[in-house]
Amino acid sequence: MIRLALHGAHLRALTLPVLAAVVLAGDVSAMGSHQPAAAVTRAVGRGLQMPEAMLVQALIDIRDNRLSAALDRVNALLALKPDFRLAQLIRGDLLMARARPLSRMGAADAPMERINDLREEARARLTRYEMQPPVDRVPKYLVQMRAEQRYAIVVDTTKSTLYVFENRADGPHYVADYYITVGKNGSNKVREGDKKTPLGVYHVLSQLPRNRLGDFYGVGAFPLNYPNEWDAREGRNGHGIWLHGTPRNTYSRPPRASDGCVVLTNEDLDDLAKRLQVGLTPVIIADGIDWVPVQATRALQKGLAEGLERWRHDWESRDTDRYLTHYARNFSAEGMGLGDWSAQKRRVNAAKEWIKVDLKDVSILLYPGRDDLAVIDFDQDYTSSNLANKMKKRQYWIRDGVQWKILYEGGA
């Protein structure tokens, strides 16, 4: 008989020990004391999709030894989603438990590797059901979004969850979250073929519809700009990191099952696609999210915005020495280090009688895992006595003591 740990307290022993192992393998915090009748309402109310909410309700029934009710609920779920493999396995064990005690999950001779994958999916989904995004906090990475960016995506690889935040006048607001799959070998991608999901600040580059893809990618795909400029600087390589769906005969995949992409169910991807803007939507992938009060992001925004404005002002002044103080010692861009960059800027500025620089639509995103690195995008309108151009620019700023300085600069 297995006893389950919940927030340090022990639940009563279950009569179906194998499914207890499915639900909570080890000392994992998951299901609370909510009544099953309210489980679907609670789960859907905070953004979980109906199939996931129905699975949670069935597992709560199992926890409370209501095995007939659990079977009814799983049958209803499979009528809705017959390709939900975790639900199929739970149904098989529930049926077999009527005839004899079960010694393990997947007693009908299912491969153990598959059983372990589905156990991890059950744990991830239950953890998602129990967790609540803090109502008074936001991910610290969302410092400032440009007005036309309607939403931002933040992926927590440790929670198998993709969060959606709406860009409102008073800051980002949580609107939904989805269960996701990441790389077979976890996160922090370094090289081609390591089957890991990258960590960093990325953007949606394009949308690939189903008719341009194989069935493996489901209803479509949204390629991301991995490797980004920071990845390239750090020597990371590889390609083809996408947000995409699942094959038509698979409702969802285990938490770690992709070659590095972020994978959603097809219905979740369809829902998410309504909020994705090609070339605009940021996708921040992190190992655990740092949630902070909104005022903390505002303080960071103020410091970075002031640094950006000083850089702009000093560029217009044509005081090249002062302008170059905004660049880090290990700055690099367009194949140039700080020395070559400085020499080029001195030559260019010497040929100008005046310079005017306008910056618009600024976005500021803090890099996950780094409190000292930020990505700033903006539209730049440059005019001078002998040249005029407009461009979208991206800079990486790094904190050097108390001052922020530019580490990379190029087109966005």
Protein backbone atom coordinates (compact mmCIF):
# COMPACT_ATOMS: atom_id res chain seq x y z
CA MET A 1 0.00 0.00 0.00
CA ILE A 2 1.33 3.44 -0.93
CA ARG A 3 0.72 6.57 1.14
CA LEU A 4 0.94 9.91 -0.63
CA ALA A 5 2.61 13.05 0.70
CA LEU A 6 0.78 16.36 0.32
CA HIS A 7 2.35 19.61 1.57
CA GLY A 8 4.03 17.59 4.34
CA ALA A 9 0.85 15.77 5.44
CA HIS A 10 -0.12 12.19 4.58
CA LEU A 11 -3.26 11.34 2.68
CA ARG A 12 -5.09 8.17 3.61
CA ALA A 13 -3.92 4.98 1.91
CA LEU A 14 -5.44 4.23 -1.48
CA THR A 15 -6.84 0.88 -2.48
CA LEU A 16 -5.30 1.29 -5.93
CA PRO A 17 -1.59 1.66 -5.18
CA VAL A 18 -0.44 1.62 -8.79
CA LEU A 19 -2.52 4.66 -9.67
CA ALA A 20 -1.27 6.38 -6.55
CA ALA A 21 2.19 5.95 -8.04
CA VAL A 22 0.93 7.42 -11.30
CA VAL A 23 -0.48 10.46 -9.58
CA LEU A 24 2.32 11.25 -7.18
CA ALA A 25 5.51 9.30 -7.71
CA GLY A 26 7.54 10.18 -4.64
CA ASP A 27 7.06 13.14 -2.35
CA VAL A 28 5.57 15.55 -4.88
CA SER A 29 3.14 18.31 -3.91
CA ALA A 30 0.08 17.99 -6.11
CA MET A 31 -3.60 17.55 -5.43
CA GLY A 32 -5.24 19.64 -2.76
CA SER A 33 -8.40 18.99 -0.82
CA HIS A 34 -10.79 20.33 -3.48
CA GLN A 35 -13.95 18.33 -4.06
CA PRO A 36 -14.01 16.55 -7.42
CA ALA A 37 -17.28 18.21 -8.43
CA ALA A 38 -15.45 21.53 -8.43
CA ALA A 39 -12.23 20.34 -10.05
CA VAL A 40 -13.18 20.99 -13.66
CA THR A 41 -14.74 24.36 -12.85
CA ARG A 42 -11.66 25.43 -10.90
CA ALA A 43 -9.23 24.18 -13.54
CA VAL A 44 -11.04 25.71 -16.51
CA GLY A 45 -11.59 28.92 -14.58
CA ARG A 46 -7.85 29.47 -14.25
CA GLY A 47 -7.11 28.66 -17.86
CA LEU A 48 -6.59 24.89 -18.11
CA GLN A 49 -8.14 23.31 -21.18
CA MET A 50 -11.12 20.99 -20.69
CA PRO A 51 -9.33 17.64 -21.31
CA GLU A 52 -6.65 18.49 -18.75
CA ALA A 53 -9.31 19.60 -16.27
CA MET A 54 -11.24 16.36 -16.78
CA LEU A 55 -8.09 14.31 -16.16
CA VAL A 56 -7.47 16.19 -12.92
CA GLN A 57 -11.03 15.46 -11.79
CA ALA A 58 -10.57 11.74 -12.48
CA LEU A 59 -7.31 11.64 -10.52
CA ILE A 60 -8.95 13.35 -7.56
CA ASP A 61 -11.59 10.62 -7.68
CA ILE A 62 -8.82 8.03 -7.59
CA ARG A 63 -7.19 9.74 -4.65
CA ASP A 64 -10.46 9.57 -2.72
CA ASN A 65 -11.10 5.92 -3.69
CA ARG A 66 -14.08 6.74 -5.94
CA LEU A 67 -12.88 4.33 -8.60
CA SER A 68 -16.19 3.88 -10.41
CA ALA A 69 -16.60 7.63 -10.68
CA ALA A 70 -13.00 7.90 -11.89
CA LEU A 71 -13.66 5.33 -14.60
CA ASP A 72 -16.80 7.17 -15.73
CA ARG A 73 -14.83 10.40 -15.97
CA VAL A 74 -11.95 8.81 -17.87
CA ASN A 75 -14.42 7.22 -20.28
CA ALA A 76 -15.98 10.62 -20.88
CA LEU A 77 -12.55 12.12 -21.44
CA LEU A 78 -11.60 9.43 -23.96
CA ALA A 79 -14.89 9.95 -25.81
CA LEU A 80 -13.72 13.55 -26.24
CA LYS A 81 -10.02 12.79 -26.82
CA PRO A 82 -9.49 9.12 -27.76
CA ASP A 83 -5.81 9.84 -28.50
CA PHE A 84 -5.04 10.97 -24.91
CA ARG A 85 -2.55 8.21 -24.05
CA LEU A 86 -2.29 8.98 -20.35
CA ALA A 87 -6.07 8.67 -20.02
CA GLN A 88 -5.98 5.39 -21.97
CA LEU A 89 -3.44 3.92 -19.57
CA ILE A 90 -5.34 5.05 -16.47
CA ARG A 91 -8.53 3.52 -17.87
CA GLY A 92 -6.74 0.21 -18.45
CA ASP A 93 -5.47 0.10 -14.89
CA LEU A 94 -8.88 1.03 -13.48
CA LEU A 95 -10.49 -1.83 -15.39
CA MET A 96 -7.82 -4.32 -14.35
CA ALA A 97 -8.07 -3.24 -10.72
CA ARG A 98 -11.60 -4.64 -10.66
CA ALA A 99 -10.22 -8.13 -11.14
CA ARG A 100 -7.02 -8.16 -9.08
CA PRO A 101 -4.59 -5.92 -7.16
CA LEU A 102 -2.11 -4.11 -9.38
CA SER A 103 1.61 -4.17 -8.65
CA ARG A 104 2.60 -1.41 -11.02
CA MET A 105 1.28 1.21 -13.35
CA GLY A 106 0.47 -0.12 -16.78
CA ALA A 107 -0.21 -3.63 -15.53
CA ALA A 108 -1.37 -4.70 -18.97
CA ASP A 109 2.27 -5.22 -20.00
CA ALA A 110 2.89 -1.67 -21.22
CA PRO A 111 6.59 -0.86 -21.86
CA MET A 112 8.19 0.61 -18.73
CA GLU A 113 9.77 3.51 -20.64
CA ARG A 114 6.34 4.55 -21.80
CA ILE A 115 4.95 4.10 -18.27
CA ASN A 116 7.62 6.37 -16.83
CA ASP A 117 6.89 9.02 -19.46
CA LEU A 118 3.18 8.94 -18.69
CA ARG A 119 3.82 9.04 -14.95
CA GLU A 120 5.83 12.22 -15.47
CA GLU A 121 3.01 13.67 -17.54
CA ALA A 122 0.50 12.93 -14.78
CA ARG A 123 2.74 14.59 -12.20
CA ALA A 124 3.29 17.63 -14.41
CA ARG A 125 -0.41 18.08 -15.10
CA LEU A 126 -1.34 17.77 -11.44
CA THR A 127 1.32 20.24 -10.43
CA ARG A 128 -0.06 22.64 -13.03
CA TYR A 129 -3.57 22.20 -11.62
CA GLU A 130 -2.42 23.04 -8.12
CA MET A 131 -0.19 26.03 -8.90
CA GLN A 132 -1.61 29.53 -9.23
CA PRO A 133 0.21 32.36 -11.03
CA PRO A 134 0.71 35.10 -8.42
CA VAL A 135 -1.96 37.75 -8.96
CA ASP A 136 0.23 40.56 -7.63
CA ARG A 137 3.47 39.57 -9.37
CA VAL A 138 4.84 39.27 -12.88
CA PRO A 139 7.85 37.52 -14.45
CA LYS A 140 10.76 39.90 -13.92
CA TYR A 141 11.80 39.53 -17.56
CA LEU A 142 8.86 41.61 -18.85
CA VAL A 143 10.34 45.04 -18.12
CA GLN A 144 8.74 47.02 -20.96
CA MET A 145 6.78 45.96 -24.04
CA ARG A 146 6.20 48.11 -27.11
CA ALA A 147 2.58 49.13 -27.65
CA GLU A 148 2.03 46.92 -30.69
CA GLN A 149 3.18 43.79 -28.85
CA ARG A 150 -0.21 42.54 -27.68
CA TYR A 151 1.11 39.52 -25.78
CA ALA A 152 4.31 38.01 -24.40
CA ILE A 153 5.07 34.32 -23.88
CA VAL A 154 7.05 33.01 -20.90
CA VAL A 155 7.93 29.29 -20.82
CA ASP A 156 8.84 27.54 -17.56
CA THR A 157 10.61 24.33 -18.54
CA THR A 158 10.58 23.05 -14.95
CA LYS A 159 6.79 23.33 -14.70
CA SER A 160 6.01 22.09 -18.23
CA THR A 161 4.04 25.30 -18.67
CA LEU A 162 3.78 28.12 -21.20
CA TYR A 163 2.29 31.35 -19.83
CA VAL A 164 0.61 34.09 -21.86
CA PHE A 165 0.67 37.71 -20.66
CA GLU A 166 -1.35 40.52 -22.18
CA ASN A 167 0.31 43.89 -22.65
CA ARG A 168 -1.92 46.48 -20.94
CA ALA A 169 -1.40 50.12 -20.05
CA ASP A 170 -0.47 49.26 -16.46
CA GLY A 171 1.85 46.39 -17.40
CA PRO A 172 1.65 42.69 -18.29
CA HIS A 173 -1.35 40.67 -17.11
CA TYR A 174 -1.60 36.88 -16.97
CA VAL A 175 -4.33 35.55 -19.28
CA ALA A 176 -3.68 31.81 -19.83
CA ASP A 177 -1.26 28.93 -19.52
CA TYR A 178 -0.77 25.63 -21.34
CA TYR A 179 0.90 22.27 -20.70
CA ILE A 180 4.01 21.88 -22.88
CA THR A 181 6.69 19.38 -23.82
CA VAL A 182 10.39 20.33 -24.02
CA GLY A 183 13.60 18.57 -25.05
CA LYS A 184 14.29 14.93 -24.21
CA ASN A 185 17.45 16.02 -22.38
CA GLY A 186 15.92 19.04 -20.70
CA SER A 187 16.94 22.64 -21.27
CA ASN A 188 19.97 24.91 -21.82
CA LYS A 189 20.70 23.96 -25.42
CA VAL A 190 24.34 24.29 -26.44
CA ARG A 191 24.88 22.40 -29.68
CA GLU A 192 23.14 20.84 -32.65
CA GLY A 193 21.55 17.49 -31.81
CA ASP A 194 21.78 17.69 -28.00
CA LYS A 195 17.96 17.38 -27.78
CA LYS A 196 17.71 20.28 -25.36
CA THR A 197 15.46 23.33 -25.35
CA PRO A 198 17.30 26.68 -25.36
CA LEU A 199 17.01 29.22 -22.56
CA GLY A 200 16.81 32.88 -23.47
CA VAL A 201 14.87 35.71 -25.09
CA TYR A 202 13.50 34.82 -28.51
CA HIS A 203 10.91 36.09 -30.98
CA VAL A 204 8.43 34.44 -33.32
CA LEU A 205 9.92 34.61 -36.83
CA SER A 206 7.17 33.13 -39.00
CA GLN A 207 4.13 30.86 -39.12
CA LEU A 208 4.24 27.54 -40.95
CA PRO A 209 0.76 26.11 -41.68
CA ARG A 210 -0.10 22.41 -41.56
CA ASN A 211 -0.04 22.05 -45.36
CA ARG A 212 3.66 22.97 -45.42
CA LEU A 213 4.62 20.46 -42.73
CA GLY A 214 4.52 16.76 -42.01
CA ASP A 215 1.94 15.32 -39.61
CA PHE A 216 4.58 15.21 -36.85
CA TYR A 217 4.17 18.97 -36.29
CA GLY A 218 0.40 18.86 -35.97
CA VAL A 219 -1.68 21.91 -36.87
CA GLY A 220 1.33 24.15 -37.52
CA ALA A 221 4.56 25.63 -36.25
CA PHE A 222 6.06 28.97 -35.24
CA PRO A 223 9.87 29.08 -35.72
CA LEU A 224 11.89 31.04 -33.14
CA ASN A 225 15.12 32.95 -33.74
CA TYR A 226 17.41 30.42 -32.07
CA PRO A 227 20.35 30.88 -32.04
CA ASN A 228 19.91 34.54 -31.16
CA GLU A 229 22.74 37.09 -30.99
CA TRP A 230 23.65 36.12 -27.42
CA ASP A 231 23.64 32.40 -28.29
CA ALA A 232 26.00 33.06 -31.21
CA ARG A 233 28.30 35.08 -28.98
CA GLU A 234 28.37 32.22 -26.47
CA GLY A 235 29.15 29.64 -29.17
CA ARG A 236 25.78 27.87 -29.08
CA ASN A 237 24.63 26.35 -32.34
CA GLY A 238 21.81 24.33 -33.84
CA HIS A 239 18.60 25.40 -35.52
CA GLY A 240 14.93 24.59 -35.95
CA ILE A 241 13.58 25.50 -32.50
CA TRP A 242 9.84 25.92 -32.97
CA LEU A 243 6.57 26.14 -31.12
CA HIS A 244 4.50 23.37 -32.74
CA GLY A 245 1.70 20.85 -32.31
CA THR A 246 1.44 17.05 -32.15
CA PRO A 247 0.66 14.29 -34.67
CA ARG A 248 -3.04 13.72 -35.29
CA ASN A 249 -3.00 10.38 -33.40
CA THR A 250 -1.39 11.90 -30.27
CA TYR A 251 -3.22 14.28 -27.97
CA SER A 252 -0.12 15.25 -25.97
CA ARG A 253 3.45 14.15 -25.33
CA PRO A 254 5.38 13.60 -22.08
CA PRO A 255 7.11 16.59 -20.44
CA ARG A 256 10.46 15.70 -22.01
CA ALA A 257 9.93 14.24 -25.45
CA SER A 258 10.93 16.74 -28.16
CA ASP A 259 14.24 17.30 -29.93
CA GLY A 260 14.39 20.78 -28.41
CA CYS A 261 11.17 22.41 -29.56
CA VAL A 262 8.35 23.59 -27.31
CA VAL A 263 5.36 21.37 -28.13
CA LEU A 264 1.68 21.97 -27.32
CA THR A 265 -1.47 20.00 -28.00
CA ASN A 266 -3.01 20.95 -31.31
CA GLU A 267 -6.01 22.66 -29.74
CA ASP A 268 -3.72 24.61 -27.40
CA LEU A 269 -1.53 25.70 -30.30
CA ASP A 270 -4.60 26.83 -32.23
CA ASP A 271 -5.67 28.85 -29.20
CA LEU A 272 -2.20 30.30 -28.68
CA ALA A 273 -1.84 31.15 -32.38
CA LYS A 274 -4.56 33.81 -32.01
CA ARG A 275 -2.17 35.75 -29.79
CA LEU A 276 1.12 35.28 -31.66
CA GLN A 277 2.40 38.10 -33.88
CA VAL A 278 5.12 37.22 -36.36
CA GLY A 279 8.18 39.39 -35.82
CA LEU A 280 6.79 40.87 -32.60
CA THR A 281 5.83 38.34 -29.94
CA PRO A 282 8.65 37.70 -27.46
CA VAL A 283 9.10 34.12 -26.23
CA ILE A 284 11.15 33.93 -23.06
CA ILE A 285 12.26 30.43 -22.07
CA ALA A 286 13.44 29.95 -18.48
CA ASP A 287 14.29 27.21 -16.01
CA GLY A 288 11.83 28.40 -13.38
CA ILE A 289 10.23 31.85 -13.41
CA ASP A 290 11.26 34.67 -11.07
CA TRP A 291 8.00 36.38 -10.06
CA VAL A 292 8.45 39.91 -8.76
CA PRO A 293 6.17 42.81 -7.76
CA VAL A 294 5.33 45.11 -10.66
CA GLN A 295 7.23 47.97 -8.99
CA ALA A 296 10.46 45.93 -9.26
CA THR A 297 10.20 45.83 -13.06
CA ARG A 298 9.41 49.53 -13.09
CA ALA A 299 12.59 50.34 -11.21
CA LEU A 300 14.61 48.29 -13.70
CA GLN A 301 12.78 49.91 -16.61
CA LYS A 302 13.64 53.35 -15.31
CA GLY A 303 17.36 52.58 -15.08
CA LEU A 304 17.60 51.03 -18.53
CA ALA A 305 15.43 53.67 -20.20
CA GLU A 306 17.60 56.42 -18.72
CA GLY A 307 20.74 54.66 -19.98
CA LEU A 308 19.23 54.37 -23.47
CA GLU A 309 18.30 58.06 -23.47
CA ARG A 310 21.81 59.11 -22.41
CA TRP A 311 23.28 57.01 -25.22
CA ARG A 312 20.92 58.64 -27.72
CA HIS A 313 21.68 62.13 -26.44
CA ASP A 314 25.45 61.59 -26.49
CA TRP A 315 25.27 60.23 -30.03
CA GLU A 316 23.46 63.40 -31.16
CA SER A 317 26.04 65.59 -29.39
CA ARG A 318 28.84 64.22 -31.62
CA ASP A 319 30.99 63.98 -28.49
CA THR A 320 32.38 60.63 -29.55
CA ASP A 321 34.41 60.07 -26.38
CA ARG A 322 31.32 60.48 -24.24
CA TYR A 323 29.23 58.39 -26.66
CA LEU A 324 31.70 55.49 -26.49
CA THR A 325 31.52 55.36 -22.68
CA HIS A 326 28.17 53.60 -23.16
CA TYR A 327 29.87 50.54 -24.68
CA ALA A 328 31.24 47.63 -22.65
CA ARG A 329 34.91 46.69 -22.91
CA ASN A 330 33.98 43.32 -24.42
CA PHE A 331 31.48 44.81 -26.90
CA SER A 332 31.25 43.12 -30.27
CA ALA A 333 29.02 43.57 -33.32
CA GLU A 334 29.22 43.03 -37.06
CA GLY A 335 32.54 41.26 -36.65
CA MET A 336 34.10 44.21 -34.80
CA GLY A 337 35.36 44.54 -31.25
CA LEU A 338 35.24 47.77 -29.30
CA GLY A 339 38.52 49.06 -30.84
CA ASP A 340 37.37 48.78 -34.45
CA TRP A 341 33.90 50.03 -33.55
CA SER A 342 35.35 53.11 -31.83
CA ALA A 343 37.62 53.91 -34.78
CA GLN A 344 34.71 53.62 -37.21
CA LYS A 345 32.47 55.87 -35.11
CA ARG A 346 35.17 58.52 -34.84
CA ARG A 347 35.59 58.60 -38.64
CA VAL A 348 31.85 58.77 -39.26
CA ASN A 349 31.12 61.44 -36.67
CA ALA A 350 33.98 63.61 -37.88
CA ALA A 351 32.22 63.92 -41.23
CA LYS A 352 28.95 65.14 -39.69
CA GLU A 353 27.88 68.70 -39.10
CA TRP A 354 24.87 67.59 -37.08
CA ILE A 355 23.09 64.37 -36.02
CA LYS A 356 19.49 63.74 -34.99
CA VAL A 357 18.36 60.39 -33.51
CA ASP A 358 14.77 59.48 -32.59
CA LEU A 359 13.90 56.21 -30.83
CA LYS A 360 10.38 54.82 -30.82
CA ASP A 361 8.51 51.70 -29.71
CA VAL A 362 11.09 50.54 -27.19
CA SER A 363 10.86 47.08 -25.61
CA ILE A 364 13.06 45.95 -22.71
CA LEU A 365 13.34 42.29 -21.69
CA LEU A 366 15.57 40.90 -18.96
CA TYR A 367 17.44 37.73 -19.88
CA PRO A 368 16.37 34.63 -17.90
CA GLY A 369 19.02 33.38 -15.51
CA ARG A 370 20.82 36.74 -15.66
CA ASP A 371 20.08 39.80 -13.56
CA ASP A 372 22.76 41.73 -15.45
CA LEU A 373 21.70 41.23 -19.09
CA ALA A 374 18.84 42.91 -20.96
CA VAL A 375 17.62 42.91 -24.58
CA ILE A 376 16.39 46.28 -25.88
CA ASP A 377 14.61 46.59 -29.23
CA PHE A 378 13.48 49.86 -30.81
CA ASP A 379 12.77 51.67 -34.06
CA GLN A 380 15.59 54.09 -34.86
CA ASP A 381 15.15 57.16 -37.08
CA TYR A 382 18.61 58.57 -37.83
CA THR A 383 19.24 61.77 -39.79
CA SER A 384 22.43 63.77 -40.20
CA SER A 385 23.98 66.40 -42.44
CA ASN A 386 24.78 63.79 -45.09
CA LEU A 387 22.73 60.63 -44.35
CA ALA A 388 19.27 59.50 -43.27
CA ASN A 389 17.98 56.02 -42.49
CA LYS A 390 15.41 54.13 -40.46
CA MET A 391 15.93 50.70 -38.98
CA LYS A 392 14.80 48.30 -36.29
CA LYS A 393 17.65 47.89 -33.85
CA ARG A 394 18.47 45.41 -31.12
CA GLN A 395 20.97 45.98 -28.33
CA TYR A 396 22.13 43.75 -25.48
CA TRP A 397 22.94 45.75 -22.35
CA ILE A 398 25.02 44.38 -19.49
CA ARG A 399 25.36 45.79 -16.02
CA ASP A 400 28.91 46.95 -15.28
CA GLY A 401 28.92 47.82 -11.60
CA VAL A 402 26.11 50.34 -11.20
CA GLN A 403 26.02 51.32 -14.88
CA TRP A 404 24.38 49.54 -17.79
CA LYS A 405 26.51 49.33 -20.96
CA ILE A 406 26.00 48.07 -24.49
CA LEU A 407 27.43 44.61 -25.20
CA TYR A 408 25.98 44.07 -28.69
CA GLU A 409 24.27 46.26 -31.29
CA GLY A 410 22.72 45.34 -34.61
CA GLY A 411 19.55 45.13 -36.67
CA ALA A 412 16.53 43.40 -35.20
